[in-house]
Amino acid sequence: MRAAIYNPYLDTLGGGERYTTAFARVLVENGYMVDLEWKDIGIKEILENRFGIDLSEINIVKDIKRGDGYDLCFWVSDGSIPTLRARKNILHFQVPFHNIGGKSLLNRMKLFRINKIVCNSNFTKSFIDREYGVNGLVIYPPIDVENIKPKRKENVILFVGRFSHILQNKGQEILIRTFKKLFNEGLKDWKLILAGGAEIGAGDYLKELKDESEGYPIEFVESPDFKTLKDLYGKAKVFWSASGFGVNEDKNPEKVEHFGITVVEALAAGAVPIIFDAGGHEEIVQNGVNGFLWKNEGDLRKITMSIIEGKVSLTGLRIKAQESSKKFGYKVFGESVLRIL
């Protein structure tokens, strides 16, 4: 059996790219010969290093011809509906596209060739279903929760997310501002670590963040490999996220977190998440059970200090966090993929 995979954003190395490579891996493990379309064969090593997924049996080809001649085609949409020609076609949406004329006659005709529409979260699905008049299936992103484990915890607050304004602002400037305020109010012996991809779109934004952090215990880890990320998660006590802060998610759903892979990774490592209450985050964190959701910067400071000052028992939270992360593991993802095949 032959499968073709297309993702126009592979070099951004984000959550959608992890999803794509994991999907490819599941296919290989189940007897498919897999071709992944990209212009440069070097992308395979880059993807392997970033996500820790073995892609040795996957071929990089310059054109999958929209699935023509393949048994299966998995296509990541950029908002458009492609004309796919494989025997079975799966269209994947990572982004909650809206107000783009999704129900046009041409799109409805193209959708006849699509066997399954798959979304990365219920948040994304709610917009995709409404925009295109479809009934998508949710398969949550795969996270390597089995290999992300707690280590000896340090006084570290961690955030992991791209240093860029591509589609979303991950909100690192909010986290820096909040940490500086806590530090100025007397928080000592703690540090904030910001890690994330800097390959695409970082530029002046990353420099501004570094300038803003000068003189404070704030560290930057640019484009970490998977081994480095596991170490960071393992030693962090707290995981912050401000992704989606200041955005009206009904009007601009694409600008909030569509799911939140790094939040699940933090759960697996026993780093208590304190994350902005928007988008797909609500599908991961139960407030006060396995982490916390915040709505304004005052909430973020207050919740963080309650943890640092020992007013919240971390033991129970960490146990619940690790337990809840398991439903997003590779095994669950693989089983879900096989069901739609």
C-alpha atoms as a PDB file:
ATOM      1  CA  MET A   1       0.000   0.000   0.000  1.00  0.00           C
ATOM      2  CA  ARG A   2       1.231   3.470  -0.885  1.00  0.00           C
ATOM      3  CA  ALA A   3       0.444   6.674   1.022  1.00  0.00           C
ATOM      4  CA  ALA A   4       1.102  10.306   0.167  1.00  0.00           C
ATOM      5  CA  ILE A   5       1.391  13.119   2.707  1.00  0.00           C
ATOM      6  CA  TYR A   6       1.350  16.870   2.158  1.00  0.00           C
ATOM      7  CA  ASN A   7       1.931  19.671   4.666  1.00  0.00           C
ATOM      8  CA  PRO A   8       2.873  23.123   3.307  1.00  0.00           C
ATOM      9  CA  TYR A   9       4.245  24.248   6.677  1.00  0.00           C
ATOM     10  CA  LEU A  10       6.824  21.536   7.461  1.00  0.00           C
ATOM     11  CA  ASP A  11       9.697  23.962   8.006  1.00  0.00           C
ATOM     12  CA  THR A  12       7.812  25.841  10.749  1.00  0.00           C
ATOM     13  CA  LEU A  13       8.318  22.778  12.994  1.00  0.00           C
ATOM     14  CA  GLY A  14       5.177  23.366  15.028  1.00  0.00           C
ATOM     15  CA  GLY A  15       2.378  21.223  16.373  1.00  0.00           C
ATOM     16  CA  GLY A  16       0.906  20.542  12.946  1.00  0.00           C
ATOM     17  CA  GLU A  17       4.251  19.267  11.733  1.00  0.00           C
ATOM     18  CA  ARG A  18       4.547  16.908  14.697  1.00  0.00           C
ATOM     19  CA  TYR A  19       1.014  15.690  13.852  1.00  0.00           C
ATOM     20  CA  THR A  20       2.016  15.079  10.241  1.00  0.00           C
ATOM     21  CA  THR A  21       5.197  13.153  11.048  1.00  0.00           C
ATOM     22  CA  ALA A  22       3.393  11.034  13.656  1.00  0.00           C
ATOM     23  CA  PHE A  23       0.659  10.220  11.130  1.00  0.00           C
ATOM     24  CA  ALA A  24       3.354   9.154   8.679  1.00  0.00           C
ATOM     25  CA  ARG A  25       4.966   6.961  11.337  1.00  0.00           C
ATOM     26  CA  VAL A  26       1.661   5.204  12.103  1.00  0.00           C
ATOM     27  CA  LEU A  27       1.245   4.445   8.405  1.00  0.00           C
ATOM     28  CA  VAL A  28       4.756   2.962   8.143  1.00  0.00           C
ATOM     29  CA  GLU A  29       4.147   0.798  11.201  1.00  0.00           C
ATOM     30  CA  ASN A  30       1.040  -0.561   9.522  1.00  0.00           C
ATOM     31  CA  GLY A  31       2.567  -1.598   6.226  1.00  0.00           C
ATOM     32  CA  TYR A  32       2.371   1.548   4.109  1.00  0.00           C
ATOM     33  CA  MET A  33       5.127   2.878   1.894  1.00  0.00           C
ATOM     34  CA  VAL A  34       4.974   6.623   2.658  1.00  0.00           C
ATOM     35  CA  ASP A  35       5.968   9.556   0.443  1.00  0.00           C
ATOM     36  CA  LEU A  36       6.150  12.982   2.074  1.00  0.00           C
ATOM     37  CA  GLU A  37       6.169  15.963  -0.284  1.00  0.00           C
ATOM     38  CA  TRP A  38       8.900  18.562   0.308  1.00  0.00           C
ATOM     39  CA  LYS A  39      11.438  20.376  -1.811  1.00  0.00           C
ATOM     40  CA  ASP A  40      14.517  19.482   0.271  1.00  0.00           C
ATOM     41  CA  ILE A  41      15.381  15.996   1.554  1.00  0.00           C
ATOM     42  CA  GLY A  42      17.195  17.589   4.506  1.00  0.00           C
ATOM     43  CA  ILE A  43      13.826  18.281   6.130  1.00  0.00           C
ATOM     44  CA  LYS A  44      13.684  14.666   7.312  1.00  0.00           C
ATOM     45  CA  GLU A  45      16.642  14.983   9.683  1.00  0.00           C
ATOM     46  CA  ILE A  46      15.350  18.344  10.939  1.00  0.00           C
ATOM     47  CA  LEU A  47      11.946  16.845  11.747  1.00  0.00           C
ATOM     48  CA  GLU A  48      13.484  13.824  13.459  1.00  0.00           C
ATOM     49  CA  ASN A  49      15.692  15.983  15.689  1.00  0.00           C
ATOM     50  CA  ARG A  50      12.863  18.308  16.667  1.00  0.00           C
ATOM     51  CA  PHE A  51      10.170  15.712  17.349  1.00  0.00           C
ATOM     52  CA  GLY A  52      12.115  12.559  18.190  1.00  0.00           C
ATOM     53  CA  ILE A  53      10.145  10.529  15.618  1.00  0.00           C
ATOM     54  CA  ASP A  54      11.887   7.936  13.418  1.00  0.00           C
ATOM     55  CA  LEU A  55      11.332   8.880   9.775  1.00  0.00           C
ATOM     56  CA  SER A  56      14.035   6.643   8.281  1.00  0.00           C
ATOM     57  CA  GLU A  57      11.512   4.603   6.273  1.00  0.00           C
ATOM     58  CA  ILE A  58       9.726   7.658   4.875  1.00  0.00           C
ATOM     59  CA  ASN A  59      10.583   9.000   1.416  1.00  0.00           C
ATOM     60  CA  ILE A  60      10.874  12.720   0.669  1.00  0.00           C
ATOM     61  CA  VAL A  61       9.533  13.436  -2.823  1.00  0.00           C
ATOM     62  CA  LYS A  62       9.048  16.680  -4.713  1.00  0.00           C
ATOM     63  CA  ASP A  63       5.472  16.054  -5.835  1.00  0.00           C
ATOM     64  CA  ILE A  64       2.805  13.636  -4.646  1.00  0.00           C
ATOM     65  CA  LYS A  65       0.527  14.804  -7.489  1.00  0.00           C
ATOM     66  CA  ARG A  66      -2.403  15.308  -5.130  1.00  0.00           C
ATOM     67  CA  GLY A  67      -2.454  11.611  -4.354  1.00  0.00           C
ATOM     68  CA  ASP A  68      -2.784  10.385  -7.920  1.00  0.00           C
ATOM     69  CA  GLY A  69      -1.867   6.679  -7.991  1.00  0.00           C
ATOM     70  CA  TYR A  70      -1.758   6.314  -4.177  1.00  0.00           C
ATOM     71  CA  ASP A  71      -3.978   4.215  -1.948  1.00  0.00           C
ATOM     72  CA  LEU A  72      -4.164   6.995   0.660  1.00  0.00           C
ATOM     73  CA  CYS A  73      -3.529  10.725   0.760  1.00  0.00           C
ATOM     74  CA  PHE A  74      -3.243  12.755   3.978  1.00  0.00           C
ATOM     75  CA  TRP A  75      -3.371  16.478   3.226  1.00  0.00           C
ATOM     76  CA  VAL A  76      -2.969  19.378   5.682  1.00  0.00           C
ATOM     77  CA  SER A  77      -5.225  22.207   4.526  1.00  0.00           C
ATOM     78  CA  ASP A  78      -4.177  25.841   4.255  1.00  0.00           C
ATOM     79  CA  GLY A  79      -7.863  26.762   4.264  1.00  0.00           C
ATOM     80  CA  SER A  80      -8.524  25.659   0.715  1.00  0.00           C
ATOM     81  CA  ILE A  81     -10.131  22.376  -0.335  1.00  0.00           C
ATOM     82  CA  PRO A  82      -7.783  20.531  -2.713  1.00  0.00           C
ATOM     83  CA  THR A  83      -8.842  18.196  -5.505  1.00  0.00           C
ATOM     84  CA  LEU A  84      -7.389  14.936  -4.190  1.00  0.00           C
ATOM     85  CA  ARG A  85      -7.064  11.820  -6.333  1.00  0.00           C
ATOM     86  CA  ALA A  86      -6.011   8.932  -4.105  1.00  0.00           C
ATOM     87  CA  ARG A  87      -8.289   5.966  -3.495  1.00  0.00           C
ATOM     88  CA  LYS A  88      -8.891   7.306   0.020  1.00  0.00           C
ATOM     89  CA  ASN A  89      -8.381  10.957   0.988  1.00  0.00           C
ATOM     90  CA  ILE A  90      -8.072  12.486   4.446  1.00  0.00           C
ATOM     91  CA  LEU A  91      -8.129  16.264   4.820  1.00  0.00           C
ATOM     92  CA  HIS A  92      -6.681  17.612   8.049  1.00  0.00           C
ATOM     93  CA  PHE A  93      -7.368  21.000   9.628  1.00  0.00           C
ATOM     94  CA  GLN A  94      -4.982  22.410  12.224  1.00  0.00           C
ATOM     95  CA  VAL A  95      -6.439  25.910  12.067  1.00  0.00           C
ATOM     96  CA  PRO A  96     -10.033  27.069  12.730  1.00  0.00           C
ATOM     97  CA  PHE A  97     -10.508  28.780   9.370  1.00  0.00           C
ATOM     98  CA  HIS A  98     -13.578  30.987   9.092  1.00  0.00           C
ATOM     99  CA  ASN A  99     -15.227  33.571   6.832  1.00  0.00           C
ATOM    100  CA  ILE A 100     -13.454  32.322   3.707  1.00  0.00           C
ATOM    101  CA  GLY A 101     -16.429  31.134   1.642  1.00  0.00           C
ATOM    102  CA  GLY A 102     -16.034  27.537   2.704  1.00  0.00           C
ATOM    103  CA  LYS A 103     -19.479  26.482   1.460  1.00  0.00           C
ATOM    104  CA  SER A 104     -18.924  27.544  -2.147  1.00  0.00           C
ATOM    105  CA  LEU A 105     -20.199  25.261  -4.899  1.00  0.00           C
ATOM    106  CA  LEU A 106     -16.633  24.458  -5.971  1.00  0.00           C
ATOM    107  CA  ASN A 107     -15.674  23.435  -2.457  1.00  0.00           C
ATOM    108  CA  ARG A 108     -18.757  21.258  -2.111  1.00  0.00           C
ATOM    109  CA  MET A 109     -17.806  19.485  -5.334  1.00  0.00           C
ATOM    110  CA  LYS A 110     -14.232  18.911  -4.151  1.00  0.00           C
ATOM    111  CA  LEU A 111     -15.444  17.554  -0.830  1.00  0.00           C
ATOM    112  CA  PHE A 112     -17.023  14.606  -2.658  1.00  0.00           C
ATOM    113  CA  ARG A 113     -13.490  13.245  -3.053  1.00  0.00           C
ATOM    114  CA  ILE A 114     -12.686  13.627   0.664  1.00  0.00           C
ATOM    115  CA  ASN A 115     -13.401  10.527   2.751  1.00  0.00           C
ATOM    116  CA  LYS A 116     -12.626  11.984   6.174  1.00  0.00           C
ATOM    117  CA  ILE A 117     -12.106  15.458   7.597  1.00  0.00           C
ATOM    118  CA  VAL A 118      -9.954  15.360  10.715  1.00  0.00           C
ATOM    119  CA  CYS A 119      -9.412  18.210  13.186  1.00  0.00           C
ATOM    120  CA  ASN A 120      -6.873  18.568  15.980  1.00  0.00           C
ATOM    121  CA  SER A 121      -9.387  19.652  18.643  1.00  0.00           C
ATOM    122  CA  ASN A 122     -13.059  20.229  19.285  1.00  0.00           C
ATOM    123  CA  PHE A 123     -12.294  23.958  19.237  1.00  0.00           C
ATOM    124  CA  THR A 124     -10.993  23.715  15.661  1.00  0.00           C
ATOM    125  CA  LYS A 125     -13.820  21.369  14.656  1.00  0.00           C
ATOM    126  CA  SER A 126     -16.500  23.802  15.813  1.00  0.00           C
ATOM    127  CA  PHE A 127     -15.303  26.425  13.312  1.00  0.00           C
ATOM    128  CA  ILE A 128     -14.470  24.013  10.476  1.00  0.00           C
ATOM    129  CA  ASP A 129     -17.885  22.329  10.638  1.00  0.00           C
ATOM    130  CA  ARG A 130     -19.623  25.706  10.517  1.00  0.00           C
ATOM    131  CA  GLU A 131     -17.421  27.148   7.774  1.00  0.00           C
ATOM    132  CA  TYR A 132     -17.511  24.218   5.346  1.00  0.00           C
ATOM    133  CA  GLY A 133     -20.812  22.570   6.291  1.00  0.00           C
ATOM    134  CA  VAL A 134     -19.143  19.299   7.285  1.00  0.00           C
ATOM    135  CA  ASN A 135     -18.955  17.016  10.305  1.00  0.00           C
ATOM    136  CA  GLY A 136     -15.290  16.627  11.141  1.00  0.00           C
ATOM    137  CA  LEU A 137     -13.700  13.994  13.328  1.00  0.00           C
ATOM    138  CA  VAL A 138     -11.395  14.977  16.217  1.00  0.00           C
ATOM    139  CA  ILE A 139      -8.114  13.124  16.636  1.00  0.00           C
ATOM    140  CA  TYR A 140      -6.014  14.901  19.223  1.00  0.00           C
ATOM    141  CA  PRO A 141      -2.337  15.529  18.440  1.00  0.00           C
ATOM    142  CA  PRO A 142       0.081  12.781  19.490  1.00  0.00           C
ATOM    143  CA  ILE A 143       2.382  13.575  22.398  1.00  0.00           C
ATOM    144  CA  ASP A 144       5.281  11.404  23.537  1.00  0.00           C
ATOM    145  CA  VAL A 145       4.014  11.314  27.119  1.00  0.00           C
ATOM    146  CA  GLU A 146       5.711   7.976  27.810  1.00  0.00           C
ATOM    147  CA  ASN A 147       9.151   9.519  27.336  1.00  0.00           C
ATOM    148  CA  ILE A 148       8.533  12.834  29.102  1.00  0.00           C
ATOM    149  CA  LYS A 149       8.973  12.299  32.821  1.00  0.00           C
ATOM    150  CA  PRO A 150       9.446  14.382  35.970  1.00  0.00           C
ATOM    151  CA  LYS A 151      13.002  14.932  37.132  1.00  0.00           C
ATOM    152  CA  ARG A 152      14.371  16.579  40.227  1.00  0.00           C
ATOM    153  CA  LYS A 153      12.332  19.769  40.268  1.00  0.00           C
ATOM    154  CA  GLU A 154      13.964  23.181  40.315  1.00  0.00           C
ATOM    155  CA  ASN A 155      12.528  26.657  40.856  1.00  0.00           C
ATOM    156  CA  VAL A 156      11.801  27.031  37.171  1.00  0.00           C
ATOM    157  CA  ILE A 157       8.809  28.493  35.358  1.00  0.00           C
ATOM    158  CA  LEU A 158       8.833  27.252  31.762  1.00  0.00           C
ATOM    159  CA  PHE A 159       7.126  28.196  28.542  1.00  0.00           C
ATOM    160  CA  VAL A 160       7.625  26.423  25.206  1.00  0.00           C
ATOM    161  CA  GLY A 161       6.407  28.030  21.994  1.00  0.00           C
ATOM    162  CA  ARG A 162       7.657  29.565  18.750  1.00  0.00           C
ATOM    163  CA  PHE A 163       9.398  32.938  18.904  1.00  0.00           C
ATOM    164  CA  SER A 164       7.330  34.438  16.122  1.00  0.00           C
ATOM    165  CA  HIS A 165       4.108  36.175  15.151  1.00  0.00           C
ATOM    166  CA  ILE A 166       3.228  33.558  12.527  1.00  0.00           C
ATOM    167  CA  LEU A 167      -0.545  33.248  12.784  1.00  0.00           C
ATOM    168  CA  GLN A 168      -0.433  33.456  16.588  1.00  0.00           C
ATOM    169  CA  ASN A 169       1.429  35.558  19.080  1.00  0.00           C
ATOM    170  CA  LYS A 170       2.481  33.092  21.763  1.00  0.00           C
ATOM    171  CA  GLY A 171       2.521  35.886  24.340  1.00  0.00           C
ATOM    172  CA  GLN A 172       6.103  35.668  25.581  1.00  0.00           C
ATOM    173  CA  GLU A 173       6.088  39.410  26.257  1.00  0.00           C
ATOM    174  CA  ILE A 174       3.174  38.927  28.685  1.00  0.00           C
ATOM    175  CA  LEU A 175       5.084  36.246  30.564  1.00  0.00           C
ATOM    176  CA  ILE A 176       8.192  38.401  30.764  1.00  0.00           C
ATOM    177  CA  ARG A 177       6.199  41.352  32.062  1.00  0.00           C
ATOM    178  CA  THR A 178       4.489  39.193  34.687  1.00  0.00           C
ATOM    179  CA  PHE A 179       7.722  37.567  35.853  1.00  0.00           C
ATOM    180  CA  LYS A 180       9.471  40.924  36.142  1.00  0.00           C
ATOM    181  CA  LYS A 181       6.646  42.246  38.281  1.00  0.00           C
ATOM    182  CA  LEU A 182       6.831  39.203  40.580  1.00  0.00           C
ATOM    183  CA  PHE A 183      10.604  39.582  40.793  1.00  0.00           C
ATOM    184  CA  ASN A 184      10.346  43.272  41.618  1.00  0.00           C
ATOM    185  CA  GLU A 185       7.824  42.419  44.333  1.00  0.00           C
ATOM    186  CA  GLY A 186      10.310  40.097  46.000  1.00  0.00           C
ATOM    187  CA  LEU A 187      10.263  36.763  44.160  1.00  0.00           C
ATOM    188  CA  LYS A 188      13.804  35.403  44.407  1.00  0.00           C
ATOM    189  CA  ASP A 189      15.549  32.119  43.616  1.00  0.00           C
ATOM    190  CA  TRP A 190      13.245  31.459  40.669  1.00  0.00           C
ATOM    191  CA  LYS A 191      13.886  31.810  36.944  1.00  0.00           C
ATOM    192  CA  LEU A 192      11.769  31.953  33.813  1.00  0.00           C
ATOM    193  CA  ILE A 193      12.876  29.865  30.827  1.00  0.00           C
ATOM    194  CA  LEU A 194      11.419  30.593  27.388  1.00  0.00           C
ATOM    195  CA  ALA A 195      12.118  27.879  24.821  1.00  0.00           C
ATOM    196  CA  GLY A 196      10.951  27.559  21.242  1.00  0.00           C
ATOM    197  CA  GLY A 197      11.658  27.501  17.556  1.00  0.00           C
ATOM    198  CA  ALA A 198      13.493  30.477  16.135  1.00  0.00           C
ATOM    199  CA  GLU A 199      13.879  29.265  12.546  1.00  0.00           C
ATOM    200  CA  ILE A 200      10.905  31.090  11.055  1.00  0.00           C
ATOM    201  CA  GLY A 201       9.686  34.602  11.820  1.00  0.00           C
ATOM    202  CA  ALA A 202      11.662  35.264  15.024  1.00  0.00           C
ATOM    203  CA  GLY A 203      13.764  38.225  13.853  1.00  0.00           C
ATOM    204  CA  ASP A 204      13.292  41.479  15.725  1.00  0.00           C
ATOM    205  CA  TYR A 205      10.666  39.981  18.039  1.00  0.00           C
ATOM    206  CA  LEU A 206      13.167  37.687  19.728  1.00  0.00           C
ATOM    207  CA  LYS A 207      15.655  40.537  20.092  1.00  0.00           C
ATOM    208  CA  GLU A 208      12.963  42.705  21.698  1.00  0.00           C
ATOM    209  CA  LEU A 209      12.148  39.937  24.172  1.00  0.00           C
ATOM    210  CA  LYS A 210      15.806  39.570  25.122  1.00  0.00           C
ATOM    211  CA  ASP A 211      16.221  43.314  25.546  1.00  0.00           C
ATOM    212  CA  GLU A 212      13.115  43.428  27.743  1.00  0.00           C
ATOM    213  CA  SER A 213      14.519  40.612  29.914  1.00  0.00           C
ATOM    214  CA  GLU A 214      17.911  42.215  30.556  1.00  0.00           C
ATOM    215  CA  GLY A 215      18.883  42.162  34.221  1.00  0.00           C
ATOM    216  CA  TYR A 216      16.344  39.500  35.224  1.00  0.00           C
ATOM    217  CA  PRO A 217      16.746  35.716  35.682  1.00  0.00           C
ATOM    218  CA  ILE A 218      15.130  34.965  32.335  1.00  0.00           C
ATOM    219  CA  GLU A 219      16.733  32.467  29.947  1.00  0.00           C
ATOM    220  CA  PHE A 220      16.103  31.802  26.253  1.00  0.00           C
ATOM    221  CA  VAL A 221      16.529  28.376  24.636  1.00  0.00           C
ATOM    222  CA  GLU A 222      16.314  28.694  20.875  1.00  0.00           C
ATOM    223  CA  SER A 223      15.227  25.806  18.637  1.00  0.00           C
ATOM    224  CA  PRO A 224      15.773  23.055  21.218  1.00  0.00           C
ATOM    225  CA  ASP A 225      15.881  19.420  20.159  1.00  0.00           C
ATOM    226  CA  PHE A 226      13.552  16.902  21.788  1.00  0.00           C
ATOM    227  CA  LYS A 227      16.146  15.751  24.314  1.00  0.00           C
ATOM    228  CA  THR A 228      16.633  19.317  25.547  1.00  0.00           C
ATOM    229  CA  LEU A 229      12.890  19.866  25.794  1.00  0.00           C
ATOM    230  CA  LYS A 230      12.426  16.719  27.875  1.00  0.00           C
ATOM    231  CA  ASP A 231      15.060  17.969  30.299  1.00  0.00           C
ATOM    232  CA  LEU A 232      13.417  21.397  30.568  1.00  0.00           C
ATOM    233  CA  TYR A 233       9.977  19.929  31.193  1.00  0.00           C
ATOM    234  CA  GLY A 234      11.380  17.473  33.681  1.00  0.00           C
ATOM    235  CA  LYS A 235      12.942  20.061  35.968  1.00  0.00           C
ATOM    236  CA  ALA A 236      10.266  22.784  35.709  1.00  0.00           C
ATOM    237  CA  LYS A 237       7.855  23.153  38.622  1.00  0.00           C
ATOM    238  CA  VAL A 238       5.445  25.437  36.771  1.00  0.00           C
ATOM    239  CA  PHE A 239       4.448  25.829  33.128  1.00  0.00           C
ATOM    240  CA  TRP A 240       3.053  29.164  31.938  1.00  0.00           C
ATOM    241  CA  SER A 241       1.240  30.081  28.749  1.00  0.00           C
ATOM    242  CA  ALA A 242      -0.275  33.380  27.606  1.00  0.00           C
ATOM    243  CA  SER A 243      -1.104  32.172  24.099  1.00  0.00           C
ATOM    244  CA  GLY A 244      -4.340  33.818  22.969  1.00  0.00           C
ATOM    245  CA  PHE A 245      -4.279  36.587  25.584  1.00  0.00           C
ATOM    246  CA  GLY A 246      -6.029  39.747  24.379  1.00  0.00           C
ATOM    247  CA  VAL A 247      -7.741  38.014  21.441  1.00  0.00           C
ATOM    248  CA  ASN A 248     -11.473  37.683  20.810  1.00  0.00           C
ATOM    249  CA  GLU A 249     -11.583  33.961  20.055  1.00  0.00           C
ATOM    250  CA  ASP A 250     -15.007  34.154  18.396  1.00  0.00           C
ATOM    251  CA  LYS A 251     -13.823  36.777  15.890  1.00  0.00           C
ATOM    252  CA  ASN A 252     -10.216  35.592  15.531  1.00  0.00           C
ATOM    253  CA  PRO A 253     -10.060  31.908  16.537  1.00  0.00           C
ATOM    254  CA  GLU A 254      -6.921  31.395  14.459  1.00  0.00           C
ATOM    255  CA  LYS A 255      -5.009  33.655  16.870  1.00  0.00           C
ATOM    256  CA  VAL A 256      -5.592  31.568  19.992  1.00  0.00           C
ATOM    257  CA  GLU A 257      -4.135  28.156  20.788  1.00  0.00           C
ATOM    258  CA  HIS A 258      -6.002  25.587  18.710  1.00  0.00           C
ATOM    259  CA  PHE A 259      -4.974  22.779  21.036  1.00  0.00           C
ATOM    260  CA  GLY A 260      -1.808  23.098  23.134  1.00  0.00           C
ATOM    261  CA  ILE A 261       0.731  20.297  22.671  1.00  0.00           C
ATOM    262  CA  THR A 262       3.289  21.869  24.985  1.00  0.00           C
ATOM    263  CA  VAL A 263       0.701  22.010  27.766  1.00  0.00           C
ATOM    264  CA  VAL A 264       0.240  18.237  27.546  1.00  0.00           C
ATOM    265  CA  GLU A 265       4.013  17.757  27.584  1.00  0.00           C
ATOM    266  CA  ALA A 266       4.143  19.823  30.759  1.00  0.00           C
ATOM    267  CA  LEU A 267       1.406  17.655  32.304  1.00  0.00           C
ATOM    268  CA  ALA A 268       3.395  14.513  31.540  1.00  0.00           C
ATOM    269  CA  ALA A 269       6.455  15.961  33.271  1.00  0.00           C
ATOM    270  CA  GLY A 270       4.533  17.031  36.349  1.00  0.00           C
ATOM    271  CA  ALA A 271       5.045  20.734  35.645  1.00  0.00           C
ATOM    272  CA  VAL A 272       1.849  22.380  36.878  1.00  0.00           C
ATOM    273  CA  PRO A 273       0.302  24.343  33.980  1.00  0.00           C
ATOM    274  CA  ILE A 274      -1.053  27.838  34.551  1.00  0.00           C
ATOM    275  CA  ILE A 275      -2.415  28.718  31.131  1.00  0.00           C
ATOM    276  CA  PHE A 276      -4.634  31.317  29.521  1.00  0.00           C
ATOM    277  CA  ASP A 277      -8.286  30.273  29.369  1.00  0.00           C
ATOM    278  CA  ALA A 278      -8.963  30.196  25.623  1.00  0.00           C
ATOM    279  CA  GLY A 279      -9.162  27.923  22.601  1.00  0.00           C
ATOM    280  CA  GLY A 280      -8.136  24.311  22.942  1.00  0.00           C
ATOM    281  CA  HIS A 281      -6.599  24.829  26.379  1.00  0.00           C
ATOM    282  CA  GLU A 282      -9.965  24.084  27.965  1.00  0.00           C
ATOM    283  CA  GLU A 283      -9.865  20.570  26.480  1.00  0.00           C
ATOM    284  CA  ILE A 284      -6.614  19.826  28.325  1.00  0.00           C
ATOM    285  CA  VAL A 285      -6.737  21.527  31.716  1.00  0.00           C
ATOM    286  CA  GLN A 286      -9.435  21.162  34.350  1.00  0.00           C
ATOM    287  CA  ASN A 287      -9.091  24.217  36.513  1.00  0.00           C
ATOM    288  CA  GLY A 288      -7.864  23.295  39.992  1.00  0.00           C
ATOM    289  CA  VAL A 289      -7.683  19.584  39.153  1.00  0.00           C
ATOM    290  CA  ASN A 290      -4.640  19.064  36.919  1.00  0.00           C
ATOM    291  CA  GLY A 291      -3.631  22.714  36.503  1.00  0.00           C
ATOM    292  CA  PHE A 292      -5.050  26.218  36.370  1.00  0.00           C
ATOM    293  CA  LEU A 293      -6.711  28.522  33.833  1.00  0.00           C
ATOM    294  CA  TRP A 294      -6.283  32.298  34.104  1.00  0.00           C
ATOM    295  CA  LYS A 295      -8.227  35.161  32.548  1.00  0.00           C
ATOM    296  CA  ASN A 296      -6.123  38.233  33.392  1.00  0.00           C
ATOM    297  CA  GLU A 297      -2.568  39.005  34.444  1.00  0.00           C
ATOM    298  CA  GLY A 298      -3.647  39.446  38.046  1.00  0.00           C
ATOM    299  CA  ASP A 299      -4.921  35.858  38.029  1.00  0.00           C
ATOM    300  CA  LEU A 300      -1.621  34.634  36.624  1.00  0.00           C
ATOM    301  CA  ARG A 301       0.396  36.342  39.350  1.00  0.00           C
ATOM    302  CA  LYS A 302      -1.976  35.275  42.134  1.00  0.00           C
ATOM    303  CA  ILE A 303      -2.109  31.600  41.125  1.00  0.00           C
ATOM    304  CA  THR A 304       1.637  31.454  40.628  1.00  0.00           C
ATOM    305  CA  MET A 305       2.363  32.924  44.041  1.00  0.00           C
ATOM    306  CA  SER A 306      -0.112  30.579  45.739  1.00  0.00           C
ATOM    307  CA  ILE A 307       1.941  27.681  44.363  1.00  0.00           C
ATOM    308  CA  ILE A 308       5.316  29.212  45.203  1.00  0.00           C
ATOM    309  CA  GLU A 309       4.208  30.042  48.750  1.00  0.00           C
ATOM    310  CA  GLY A 310       2.932  26.497  49.310  1.00  0.00           C
ATOM    311  CA  LYS A 311      -0.740  27.418  49.591  1.00  0.00           C
ATOM    312  CA  VAL A 312      -1.574  24.802  46.955  1.00  0.00           C
ATOM    313  CA  SER A 313      -0.611  21.142  47.315  1.00  0.00           C
ATOM    314  CA  LEU A 314       1.421  20.214  44.251  1.00  0.00           C
ATOM    315  CA  THR A 315       1.481  16.471  44.879  1.00  0.00           C
ATOM    316  CA  GLY A 316      -2.163  15.862  43.978  1.00  0.00           C
ATOM    317  CA  LEU A 317      -2.006  18.234  41.019  1.00  0.00           C
ATOM    318  CA  ARG A 318       1.061  16.486  39.594  1.00  0.00           C
ATOM    319  CA  ILE A 319      -0.512  13.059  39.907  1.00  0.00           C
ATOM    320  CA  LYS A 320      -3.669  14.240  38.120  1.00  0.00           C
ATOM    321  CA  ALA A 321      -1.550  16.052  35.529  1.00  0.00           C
ATOM    322  CA  GLN A 322       0.416  12.937  34.636  1.00  0.00           C
ATOM    323  CA  GLU A 323      -2.711  10.772  34.552  1.00  0.00           C
ATOM    324  CA  SER A 324      -4.587  13.182  32.292  1.00  0.00           C
ATOM    325  CA  SER A 325      -1.680  13.421  29.838  1.00  0.00           C
ATOM    326  CA  LYS A 326      -1.991   9.734  28.929  1.00  0.00           C
ATOM    327  CA  LYS A 327      -5.116  10.204  26.816  1.00  0.00           C
ATOM    328  CA  PHE A 328      -3.004  12.249  24.382  1.00  0.00           C
ATOM    329  CA  GLY A 329      -0.237   9.649  23.941  1.00  0.00           C
ATOM    330  CA  TYR A 330       1.064   8.122  20.719  1.00  0.00           C
ATOM    331  CA  LYS A 331      -0.709   4.839  21.414  1.00  0.00           C
ATOM    332  CA  VAL A 332      -4.122   6.529  21.594  1.00  0.00           C
ATOM    333  CA  PHE A 333      -3.301   8.557  18.474  1.00  0.00           C
ATOM    334  CA  GLY A 334      -2.248   5.435  16.546  1.00  0.00           C
ATOM    335  CA  GLU A 335      -5.425   3.599  17.508  1.00  0.00           C
ATOM    336  CA  SER A 336      -7.528   6.564  16.382  1.00  0.00           C
ATOM    337  CA  VAL A 337      -5.728   6.759  13.040  1.00  0.00           C
ATOM    338  CA  LEU A 338      -6.209   3.055  12.412  1.00  0.00           C
ATOM    339  CA  ARG A 339      -9.934   3.378  13.024  1.00  0.00           C
ATOM    340  CA  ILE A 340     -10.304   5.865  10.175  1.00  0.00           C
ATOM    341  CA  LEU A 341      -8.143   3.791   7.834  1.00  0.00           C
END
